[in-house]
């Protein structure tokens, strides 16, 4: 795996985690 692919992979995982936290926050707010 190249360094670029590695950074891209980490960024994707990190952004997904942020989206999951936002979704949890929104669902908690709705409930």
C-alpha atoms as a PDB file:
ATOM      1  CA  UNK A   1       0.000   0.000   0.000  1.00  0.00           C
ATOM      2  CA  UNK A   2       1.359   3.405  -0.931  1.00  0.00           C
ATOM      3  CA  UNK A   3       1.532   6.285   1.515  1.00  0.00           C
ATOM      4  CA  UNK A   4      -1.190   8.102  -0.418  1.00  0.00           C
ATOM      5  CA  UNK A   5      -3.532   5.103  -0.190  1.00  0.00           C
ATOM      6  CA  UNK A   6      -2.748   4.759   3.499  1.00  0.00           C
ATOM      7  CA  UNK A   7      -3.606   8.407   4.205  1.00  0.00           C
ATOM      8  CA  UNK A   8      -6.748   8.143   2.093  1.00  0.00           C
ATOM      9  CA  UNK A   9      -7.813   5.037   4.017  1.00  0.00           C
ATOM     10  CA  UNK A  10      -7.260   6.730   7.382  1.00  0.00           C
ATOM     11  CA  UNK A  11      -9.148   9.817   6.194  1.00  0.00           C
ATOM     12  CA  UNK A  12     -12.093   7.672   5.047  1.00  0.00           C
ATOM     13  CA  UNK A  13     -12.255   5.839   8.377  1.00  0.00           C
ATOM     14  CA  UNK A  14     -11.946   9.106  10.308  1.00  0.00           C
ATOM     15  CA  UNK A  15     -14.647  10.858   8.267  1.00  0.00           C
ATOM     16  CA  UNK A  16     -16.920   7.830   8.663  1.00  0.00           C
ATOM     17  CA  UNK A  17     -16.438   7.981  12.438  1.00  0.00           C
ATOM     18  CA  UNK A  18     -17.369  11.663  12.426  1.00  0.00           C
ATOM     19  CA  UNK A  19     -20.485  10.929  10.386  1.00  0.00           C
ATOM     20  CA  UNK A  20     -21.468   8.161  12.794  1.00  0.00           C
ATOM     21  CA  UNK A  21     -21.081  10.517  15.774  1.00  0.00           C
ATOM     22  CA  UNK A  22     -23.152  13.157  14.006  1.00  0.00           C
ATOM     23  CA  UNK A  23     -25.877  10.629  13.219  1.00  0.00           C
ATOM     24  CA  UNK A  24     -25.932   9.462  16.847  1.00  0.00           C
ATOM     25  CA  UNK A  25     -26.142  13.069  18.010  1.00  0.00           C
ATOM     26  CA  UNK A  26     -29.024  13.791  15.629  1.00  0.00           C
ATOM     27  CA  UNK A  27     -30.948  10.691  16.676  1.00  0.00           C
ATOM     28  CA  UNK A  28     -30.458  11.594  20.337  1.00  0.00           C
ATOM     29  CA  UNK A  29     -31.680  15.115  19.613  1.00  0.00           C
ATOM     30  CA  UNK A  30     -34.778  13.801  17.819  1.00  0.00           C
ATOM     31  CA  UNK A  31     -35.543  11.364  20.610  1.00  0.00           C
END
